[in-house]
Amino acid sequence: MASEVHMPEPVCLIENTQTNGLVVHQEALQVLSEITQPVVVVGITGLYHTGKSYLMNRLACQRKGFSLGSGLQSHTKGIWMWCVPHPCQPGHTLVLLDTEGLGDVEKGDTKNDTWIFVLTVLLSSTLIYNSKGTIDQQAMEQLHYVMKLSEHVKLKAAPEQSKDKLKDSEKFVSFFPTFVWTVRDFTLQLEMDGEEISEDEYLEKALNLKSGNSPEVQRYNQPRECIRQLFPNRKCFVFDQPAHKRDLVRLEELQDHEIDPEFQQQVEKFCRHIWENSSPKTIPGGRIITGTLLGKLAEAYVEAIQSGAVPCLESAVLALAKIANAAAVEEAVKLYQDLMEERAKLPTETVQELLDLHSQCEREALERFQTQAFEDDIRHIQADLIVGCPQLTRDSPRDSIIPLALEK
């Protein structure tokens, strides 16, 4: 049975250090390694002090957990992780990623802001961008990290030169998460031309492009084009101010009657949507990621960044395939051996009876392998098995498992 992890509080997944840059914490990797369930990964990013941590605590069905800062500096450093049983999807783990506030002028060196944003995008199945006020040109320009995504992520280890940026963006989409824009302390009425509009319509209106080729128009359109192309699945939520300004510093301590009722309804609506509509983390081909593999992804991406390179999506997928397929072979071989040991009553009356039992156990072991294996690395697994068992001549590595088991 797939394991379920109960974390009493968040832990740091990726620390942003002044001396060593981005560092993956082993404690977090150990937690992820114990999660064999599919993971729904919800990451949040945005400027510091926009209320990101509060929303993530509510997604965890808690009032406290991720630290809420009320001073002038960003309170969360790096990327913090909280794994909880999924409220609406049995058999799944909800992994919440709270990130360091972007644009904190007090920290001086902001070179890792872009990398923190990139990592949050690559690790999440749903990305929440949190801002304050309205979605205007200033808000768009503050989301300039989106425009750098294609510069900080590679599709292939040795990509061909492409002049079709639109086609390239379509390829990125298969790796990128659903995009949710949350607007805090919203100050406008949701209406246009005197008629009420939805939050999603408000977002789409804000993403409309201007016609023309002047530098001003290009500057206006660029962030909007990036969002439209890289995140075709979009959603928007707006929130009133939760309480009086003097009470915001202790927001996590406020009782329900001290919080604006409209805000509470908006938070409930937001959480319900995230819980019910956020998909499990997958990679191209539809392969669903477990906690174990999510940890491997985080390590691979940070290692690439620390080496001075940029994360390569193809390389990350192949690395996961190698790990998953090796484990799938081992598990299938063990299953076959266990089934034979359990069911075989030796000596059998006939050779055919033994062969029939072998075929049945073989079939069950192959089915187990097929549910666990990555197709991406199938040839590598076949080569490894043939090296280990030179007598094998079958075309499929799945057919190689049982002869391998018999040798053992």
Protein backbone atom coordinates (compact mmCIF):
# COMPACT_ATOMS: atom_id res chain seq x y z
CA MET A 1 0.00 0.00 0.00
CA ALA A 2 1.31 3.47 -0.91
CA SER A 3 2.71 5.39 2.03
CA GLU A 4 1.05 8.48 3.48
CA VAL A 5 3.19 11.13 5.14
CA HIS A 6 2.02 13.33 8.00
CA MET A 7 4.34 16.32 8.49
CA PRO A 8 3.60 18.40 11.59
CA GLU A 9 5.26 21.44 10.04
CA PRO A 10 7.03 22.55 6.85
CA VAL A 11 10.73 21.91 6.18
CA CYS A 12 13.16 23.67 3.89
CA LEU A 13 13.43 21.93 0.52
CA ILE A 14 15.86 24.29 -1.23
CA GLU A 15 17.81 26.84 0.80
CA ASN A 16 19.04 30.08 -0.73
CA THR A 17 22.41 30.57 0.96
CA GLN A 18 24.82 33.48 0.57
CA THR A 19 27.92 31.27 0.47
CA ASN A 20 26.85 28.13 -1.42
CA GLY A 21 23.91 29.38 -3.46
CA LEU A 22 20.94 27.02 -3.77
CA VAL A 23 21.21 23.86 -1.65
CA VAL A 24 18.76 20.93 -1.47
CA HIS A 25 18.11 19.82 2.12
CA GLN A 26 18.50 16.11 2.86
CA GLU A 27 15.74 16.18 5.49
CA ALA A 28 13.23 17.20 2.83
CA LEU A 29 14.53 14.59 0.38
CA GLN A 30 14.13 11.92 3.05
CA VAL A 31 10.50 12.95 3.55
CA LEU A 32 9.85 12.80 -0.21
CA SER A 33 11.58 9.42 -0.54
CA GLU A 34 8.95 7.93 1.77
CA ILE A 35 6.05 9.16 -0.38
CA THR A 36 5.20 6.50 -2.95
CA GLN A 37 1.81 8.05 -3.72
CA PRO A 38 1.22 10.42 -6.65
CA VAL A 39 1.88 14.01 -5.59
CA VAL A 40 -0.15 17.12 -6.37
CA VAL A 41 2.43 19.91 -6.16
CA VAL A 42 1.13 23.43 -5.55
CA GLY A 43 3.77 26.14 -5.53
CA ILE A 44 3.31 29.84 -4.81
CA THR A 45 5.51 32.73 -5.84
CA GLY A 46 5.29 36.52 -5.88
CA LEU A 47 6.69 39.66 -4.33
CA TYR A 48 7.58 39.56 -0.64
CA HIS A 49 4.86 40.49 1.87
CA THR A 50 1.93 39.78 -0.42
CA GLY A 51 0.42 37.11 1.85
CA LYS A 52 1.68 33.96 0.12
CA SER A 53 2.27 31.94 3.29
CA TYR A 54 -1.22 32.57 4.63
CA LEU A 55 -2.84 31.04 1.56
CA MET A 56 -0.54 28.02 1.70
CA ASN A 57 -1.39 27.41 5.36
CA ARG A 58 -5.07 27.43 4.48
CA LEU A 59 -4.44 24.94 1.67
CA ALA A 60 -2.90 22.70 4.34
CA CYS A 61 -6.13 23.16 6.36
CA GLN A 62 -4.12 24.96 9.05
CA ARG A 63 -3.84 28.49 10.39
CA LYS A 64 -0.15 28.20 11.20
CA GLY A 65 2.72 26.39 9.54
CA PHE A 66 4.52 28.41 6.91
CA SER A 67 5.97 31.46 8.62
CA LEU A 68 4.15 34.76 8.12
CA GLY A 69 6.50 37.75 8.19
CA SER A 70 5.36 41.21 9.17
CA GLY A 71 8.63 43.13 9.04
CA LEU A 72 10.32 44.85 6.13
CA GLN A 73 12.29 41.84 4.89
CA SER A 74 11.19 38.65 3.19
CA HIS A 75 10.52 36.06 5.90
CA THR A 76 10.63 32.84 3.87
CA LYS A 77 14.09 32.00 2.47
CA GLY A 78 14.47 29.61 -0.43
CA ILE A 79 11.68 27.07 -1.03
CA TRP A 80 9.87 25.46 1.90
CA MET A 81 7.80 22.29 1.63
CA TRP A 82 4.81 20.87 3.49
CA CYS A 83 3.45 17.43 2.56
CA VAL A 84 -0.07 16.64 3.79
CA PRO A 85 -2.74 14.05 2.90
CA HIS A 86 -4.78 15.42 0.02
CA PRO A 87 -8.13 16.77 1.29
CA CYS A 88 -10.10 15.70 -1.81
CA GLN A 89 -8.08 13.01 -3.61
CA PRO A 90 -7.61 9.82 -1.58
CA GLY A 91 -4.35 8.05 -2.30
CA HIS A 92 -2.59 11.30 -3.20
CA THR A 93 -0.26 13.58 -1.25
CA LEU A 94 -0.57 17.36 -1.47
CA VAL A 95 2.89 18.95 -1.60
CA LEU A 96 2.83 22.68 -0.86
CA LEU A 97 5.82 24.81 -1.85
CA ASP A 98 6.11 28.27 -0.27
CA THR A 99 8.83 30.44 -1.78
CA GLU A 100 11.04 33.33 -0.83
CA GLY A 101 9.48 36.67 -1.69
CA LEU A 102 10.74 38.06 -4.97
CA GLY A 103 12.18 41.55 -5.22
CA ASP A 104 13.27 42.01 -1.60
CA VAL A 105 15.64 44.97 -1.89
CA GLU A 106 16.96 44.41 1.63
CA LYS A 107 18.73 41.17 0.70
CA GLY A 108 20.94 42.97 -1.81
CA ASP A 109 21.84 40.11 -4.16
CA THR A 110 18.70 39.05 -5.99
CA LYS A 111 20.38 36.83 -8.62
CA ASN A 112 18.65 33.72 -7.25
CA ASP A 113 15.16 35.24 -7.51
CA THR A 114 14.89 34.07 -11.10
CA TRP A 115 16.15 30.58 -10.22
CA ILE A 116 13.67 30.27 -7.34
CA PHE A 117 10.88 31.21 -9.75
CA VAL A 118 12.15 28.74 -12.38
CA LEU A 119 12.43 25.91 -9.84
CA THR A 120 8.91 26.58 -8.55
CA VAL A 121 7.57 26.40 -12.11
CA LEU A 122 9.41 23.16 -12.91
CA LEU A 123 8.47 21.37 -9.69
CA SER A 124 4.79 22.39 -9.52
CA SER A 125 1.66 21.02 -11.15
CA THR A 126 -0.16 24.22 -10.16
CA LEU A 127 1.66 27.56 -9.92
CA ILE A 128 0.11 30.39 -7.92
CA TYR A 129 1.35 33.92 -8.56
CA ASN A 130 0.37 36.21 -5.70
CA SER A 131 0.22 40.01 -6.05
CA LYS A 132 -1.51 42.98 -4.44
CA GLY A 133 -3.88 45.65 -5.62
CA THR A 134 -4.80 45.19 -9.30
CA ILE A 135 -3.43 43.53 -12.43
CA ASP A 136 -1.97 46.60 -14.12
CA GLN A 137 1.19 47.33 -16.08
CA GLN A 138 3.25 47.53 -12.91
CA ALA A 139 2.00 44.10 -11.83
CA MET A 140 2.87 42.71 -15.25
CA GLU A 141 6.38 44.16 -15.15
CA GLN A 142 6.91 42.70 -11.69
CA LEU A 143 6.26 39.32 -13.29
CA HIS A 144 9.27 39.80 -15.57
CA TYR A 145 10.59 36.41 -14.40
CA VAL A 146 8.14 34.77 -16.82
CA MET A 147 9.94 36.41 -19.73
CA LYS A 148 13.19 34.76 -18.63
CA LEU A 149 11.81 31.23 -18.44
CA SER A 150 12.84 30.19 -21.94
CA GLU A 151 16.34 31.56 -21.29
CA HIS A 152 16.72 29.58 -18.06
CA VAL A 153 15.28 26.22 -19.16
CA LYS A 154 16.38 23.89 -21.98
CA LEU A 155 14.04 21.43 -23.67
CA LYS A 156 16.75 19.09 -24.95
CA ALA A 157 20.34 18.35 -24.09
CA ALA A 158 21.39 19.19 -27.68
CA PRO A 159 18.55 21.29 -29.07
CA GLU A 160 18.27 22.11 -32.74
CA GLN A 161 18.17 25.75 -33.69
CA SER A 162 14.56 26.84 -33.93
CA LYS A 163 13.23 30.06 -35.37
CA ASP A 164 9.66 29.31 -34.39
CA LYS A 165 9.34 30.68 -30.85
CA LEU A 166 5.62 29.93 -30.77
CA LYS A 167 6.27 26.24 -31.52
CA ASP A 168 8.98 26.15 -28.84
CA SER A 169 6.61 27.64 -26.27
CA GLU A 170 4.08 24.91 -27.08
CA LYS A 171 6.72 22.31 -26.18
CA PHE A 172 7.40 24.02 -22.86
CA VAL A 173 3.69 23.92 -22.02
CA SER A 174 3.80 20.12 -21.59
CA PHE A 175 6.27 20.62 -18.71
CA PHE A 176 4.74 23.73 -17.17
CA PRO A 177 2.00 23.92 -14.52
CA THR A 178 -1.48 25.39 -14.52
CA PHE A 179 -1.27 29.11 -13.70
CA VAL A 180 -3.39 30.75 -10.98
CA TRP A 181 -3.12 34.52 -10.37
CA THR A 182 -4.26 35.57 -6.89
CA VAL A 183 -4.79 39.30 -6.33
CA ARG A 184 -4.78 40.37 -2.68
CA ASP A 185 -6.36 43.55 -1.26
CA PHE A 186 -8.26 43.95 -4.52
CA THR A 187 -9.51 47.51 -4.89
CA LEU A 188 -11.67 47.49 -8.05
CA GLN A 189 -15.21 46.48 -8.91
CA LEU A 190 -15.39 43.46 -11.20
CA GLU A 191 -17.29 45.10 -13.99
CA MET A 192 -16.73 46.32 -17.54
CA ASP A 193 -18.94 48.67 -19.54
CA GLY A 194 -21.37 48.67 -16.64
CA GLU A 195 -21.73 44.87 -16.58
CA GLU A 196 -20.37 42.44 -14.01
CA ILE A 197 -17.47 40.24 -15.12
CA SER A 198 -15.88 37.17 -13.55
CA GLU A 199 -12.38 37.03 -12.07
CA ASP A 200 -11.20 34.97 -15.04
CA GLU A 201 -12.61 37.53 -17.47
CA TYR A 202 -10.78 40.25 -15.53
CA LEU A 203 -7.50 38.36 -15.98
CA GLU A 204 -8.05 37.76 -19.68
CA LYS A 205 -8.90 41.43 -20.19
CA ALA A 206 -5.64 42.35 -18.44
CA LEU A 207 -3.77 40.00 -20.81
CA ASN A 208 -5.19 41.56 -23.98
CA LEU A 209 -2.50 42.74 -26.39
CA LYS A 210 -2.18 46.18 -27.93
CA SER A 211 -1.73 46.63 -31.67
CA GLY A 212 1.36 48.35 -33.03
CA ASN A 213 5.14 47.89 -33.06
CA SER A 214 6.42 50.84 -31.05
CA PRO A 215 8.84 50.16 -28.17
CA GLU A 216 6.10 51.10 -25.72
CA VAL A 217 3.66 48.61 -27.24
CA GLN A 218 6.30 45.88 -27.32
CA ARG A 219 7.11 46.52 -23.68
CA TYR A 220 3.41 46.35 -22.84
CA ASN A 221 2.79 43.14 -24.80
CA GLN A 222 5.87 41.10 -23.94
CA PRO A 223 4.91 39.83 -20.46
CA ARG A 224 1.33 39.26 -21.63
CA GLU A 225 2.47 37.22 -24.63
CA CYS A 226 4.68 35.07 -22.41
CA ILE A 227 1.87 34.31 -19.97
CA ARG A 228 -0.59 33.56 -22.79
CA GLN A 229 1.83 31.21 -24.57
CA LEU A 230 3.47 29.42 -21.64
CA PHE A 231 0.39 29.11 -19.42
CA PRO A 232 -2.68 28.42 -21.60
CA ASN A 233 -4.54 27.04 -18.57
CA ARG A 234 -5.18 30.09 -16.38
CA LYS A 235 -7.36 31.02 -13.44
CA CYS A 236 -7.79 34.16 -11.33
CA PHE A 237 -8.97 34.84 -7.77
CA VAL A 238 -9.34 38.21 -6.09
CA PHE A 239 -9.41 38.81 -2.33
CA ASP A 240 -10.59 41.69 -0.18
CA GLN A 241 -8.34 42.90 2.63
CA PRO A 242 -8.77 40.27 5.38
CA ALA A 243 -8.88 42.59 8.39
CA HIS A 244 -8.06 46.08 9.64
CA LYS A 245 -4.49 47.10 8.87
CA ARG A 246 -3.47 47.06 12.54
CA ASP A 247 -4.55 43.40 12.82
CA LEU A 248 -2.73 42.11 9.75
CA VAL A 249 0.52 41.54 11.69
CA ARG A 250 -1.27 38.79 13.68
CA LEU A 251 -3.43 37.43 10.87
CA GLU A 252 -2.74 33.79 11.71
CA GLU A 253 -3.95 34.37 15.27
CA LEU A 254 -7.24 36.08 14.36
CA GLN A 255 -10.47 34.25 15.06
CA ASP A 256 -13.10 33.87 12.34
CA HIS A 257 -15.25 36.69 13.72
CA GLU A 258 -12.25 39.04 13.45
CA ILE A 259 -11.70 38.29 9.75
CA ASP A 260 -13.76 39.90 7.01
CA PRO A 261 -16.57 37.44 6.03
CA GLU A 262 -16.18 38.22 2.33
CA PHE A 263 -12.47 37.40 2.55
CA GLN A 264 -13.23 34.10 4.29
CA GLN A 265 -15.61 33.12 1.49
CA GLN A 266 -13.03 34.06 -1.12
CA VAL A 267 -10.36 31.93 0.60
CA GLU A 268 -12.76 28.98 0.85
CA LYS A 269 -13.60 29.28 -2.85
CA PHE A 270 -9.90 29.45 -3.73
CA CYS A 271 -8.94 26.43 -1.61
CA ARG A 272 -11.83 24.37 -2.96
CA HIS A 273 -10.74 25.06 -6.53
CA ILE A 274 -7.10 24.14 -5.85
CA TRP A 275 -8.04 20.95 -4.03
CA GLU A 276 -10.54 19.79 -6.64
CA ASN A 277 -8.83 20.88 -9.84
CA SER A 278 -5.06 20.68 -9.34
CA SER A 279 -3.70 17.64 -11.16
CA PRO A 280 -0.95 15.29 -9.98
CA LYS A 281 2.54 16.28 -11.09
CA THR A 282 3.37 14.62 -14.41
CA ILE A 283 6.08 14.69 -17.04
CA PRO A 284 5.52 14.47 -20.82
CA GLY A 285 3.94 11.17 -21.75
CA GLY A 286 1.54 11.40 -18.82
CA ARG A 287 3.84 9.73 -16.32
CA ILE A 288 2.66 10.62 -12.80
CA ILE A 289 5.36 11.63 -10.33
CA THR A 290 5.63 10.25 -6.79
CA GLY A 291 7.30 11.98 -3.89
CA THR A 292 10.45 9.92 -4.46
CA LEU A 293 10.76 11.10 -8.05
CA LEU A 294 9.90 14.70 -7.13
CA GLY A 295 12.94 14.72 -4.86
CA LYS A 296 15.10 13.41 -7.71
CA LEU A 297 13.79 16.18 -9.96
CA ALA A 298 14.67 18.84 -7.39
CA GLU A 299 18.19 17.45 -7.05
CA ALA A 300 18.72 17.30 -10.82
CA TYR A 301 17.53 20.87 -11.40
CA VAL A 302 19.56 22.39 -8.54
CA GLU A 303 22.66 20.44 -9.58
CA ALA A 304 22.37 21.88 -13.09
CA ILE A 305 22.01 25.43 -11.74
CA GLN A 306 24.95 25.02 -9.36
CA SER A 307 27.15 23.75 -12.21
CA GLY A 308 26.52 26.97 -14.13
CA ALA A 309 24.19 25.33 -16.63
CA VAL A 310 20.42 25.61 -16.99
CA PRO A 311 17.94 22.83 -16.10
CA CYS A 312 17.40 20.49 -19.06
CA LEU A 313 13.93 18.98 -19.16
CA GLU A 314 14.85 16.05 -21.41
CA SER A 315 17.82 15.10 -19.22
CA ALA A 316 15.68 15.25 -16.08
CA VAL A 317 13.08 12.94 -17.59
CA LEU A 318 15.72 10.43 -18.70
CA ALA A 319 17.30 10.48 -15.24
CA LEU A 320 13.91 9.74 -13.67
CA ALA A 321 13.29 6.98 -16.20
CA LYS A 322 16.58 5.29 -15.32
CA ILE A 323 15.80 5.36 -11.60
CA ALA A 324 12.19 4.22 -12.00
CA ASN A 325 12.97 1.41 -14.45
CA ALA A 326 15.77 -0.02 -12.32
CA ALA A 327 13.36 -0.10 -9.39
CA ALA A 328 10.63 -1.61 -11.60
CA VAL A 329 12.90 -4.46 -12.70
CA GLU A 330 13.92 -5.19 -9.12
CA GLU A 331 10.33 -5.14 -7.90
CA ALA A 332 9.06 -7.37 -10.73
CA VAL A 333 11.86 -9.90 -10.24
CA LYS A 334 11.15 -10.07 -6.52
CA LEU A 335 7.42 -10.48 -7.17
CA TYR A 336 8.07 -13.39 -9.55
CA GLN A 337 10.38 -15.10 -7.08
CA ASP A 338 7.94 -14.61 -4.20
CA LEU A 339 5.00 -15.94 -6.24
CA MET A 340 6.92 -19.02 -7.36
CA GLU A 341 8.08 -19.73 -3.82
CA GLU A 342 4.57 -19.28 -2.45
CA ARG A 343 2.67 -21.27 -5.09
CA ALA A 344 5.06 -23.98 -6.20
CA LYS A 345 4.42 -27.28 -4.41
CA LEU A 346 7.46 -29.26 -5.42
CA PRO A 347 7.75 -31.75 -6.84
CA THR A 348 4.87 -31.15 -9.27
CA GLU A 349 3.11 -34.09 -10.86
CA THR A 350 4.05 -32.98 -14.38
CA VAL A 351 6.49 -30.61 -16.04
CA GLN A 352 3.54 -28.90 -17.71
CA GLU A 353 2.08 -28.02 -14.32
CA LEU A 354 5.32 -26.27 -13.39
CA LEU A 355 5.43 -24.47 -16.75
CA ASP A 356 1.85 -23.28 -16.32
CA LEU A 357 2.68 -21.94 -12.87
CA HIS A 358 5.77 -20.22 -14.28
CA SER A 359 3.67 -18.59 -17.02
CA GLN A 360 1.11 -17.33 -14.53
CA CYS A 361 3.74 -15.82 -12.21
CA GLU A 362 5.59 -14.42 -15.20
CA ARG A 363 2.45 -12.72 -16.44
CA GLU A 364 1.78 -11.10 -13.06
CA ALA A 365 5.38 -9.91 -12.76
CA LEU A 366 5.27 -8.43 -16.26
CA GLU A 367 2.05 -6.60 -15.44
CA ARG A 368 3.71 -5.13 -12.35
CA PHE A 369 6.69 -4.02 -14.44
CA GLN A 370 4.45 -2.40 -17.05
CA THR A 371 2.69 -0.31 -14.41
CA GLN A 372 6.00 0.93 -12.96
CA ALA A 373 8.31 1.35 -15.96
CA PHE A 374 9.09 4.51 -17.92
CA GLU A 375 8.99 4.01 -21.67
CA ASP A 376 11.60 6.77 -22.08
CA ASP A 377 14.47 4.58 -20.90
CA ILE A 378 13.25 1.21 -22.11
CA ARG A 379 16.20 0.55 -24.44
CA HIS A 380 18.70 1.27 -21.71
CA ILE A 381 17.02 -1.26 -19.45
CA GLN A 382 17.04 -3.82 -22.25
CA ALA A 383 20.76 -3.27 -22.79
CA ASP A 384 21.46 -3.64 -19.08
CA LEU A 385 19.55 -6.90 -18.90
CA ILE A 386 21.24 -8.35 -21.97
CA VAL A 387 24.65 -7.50 -20.54
CA GLY A 388 23.67 -9.27 -17.36
CA CYS A 389 22.19 -12.26 -19.23
CA PRO A 390 23.92 -12.74 -22.61
CA GLN A 391 21.58 -15.56 -23.58
CA LEU A 392 18.61 -13.18 -23.84
CA THR A 393 17.51 -12.46 -27.40
CA ARG A 394 13.96 -11.20 -26.92
CA ASP A 395 13.00 -7.77 -28.22
CA SER A 396 11.35 -6.40 -25.10
CA PRO A 397 13.09 -5.82 -21.78
CA ARG A 398 9.84 -6.77 -20.11
CA ASP A 399 10.31 -10.30 -21.51
CA SER A 400 13.79 -10.34 -20.00
CA ILE A 401 12.64 -10.11 -16.40
CA ILE A 402 11.63 -13.70 -15.89
CA PRO A 403 14.78 -15.35 -17.33
CA LEU A 404 16.72 -12.98 -15.14
CA ALA A 405 14.68 -14.11 -12.15
CA LEU A 406 15.36 -17.77 -12.95
CA GLU A 407 19.11 -17.15 -12.99
CA LYS A 408 18.89 -15.68 -9.52
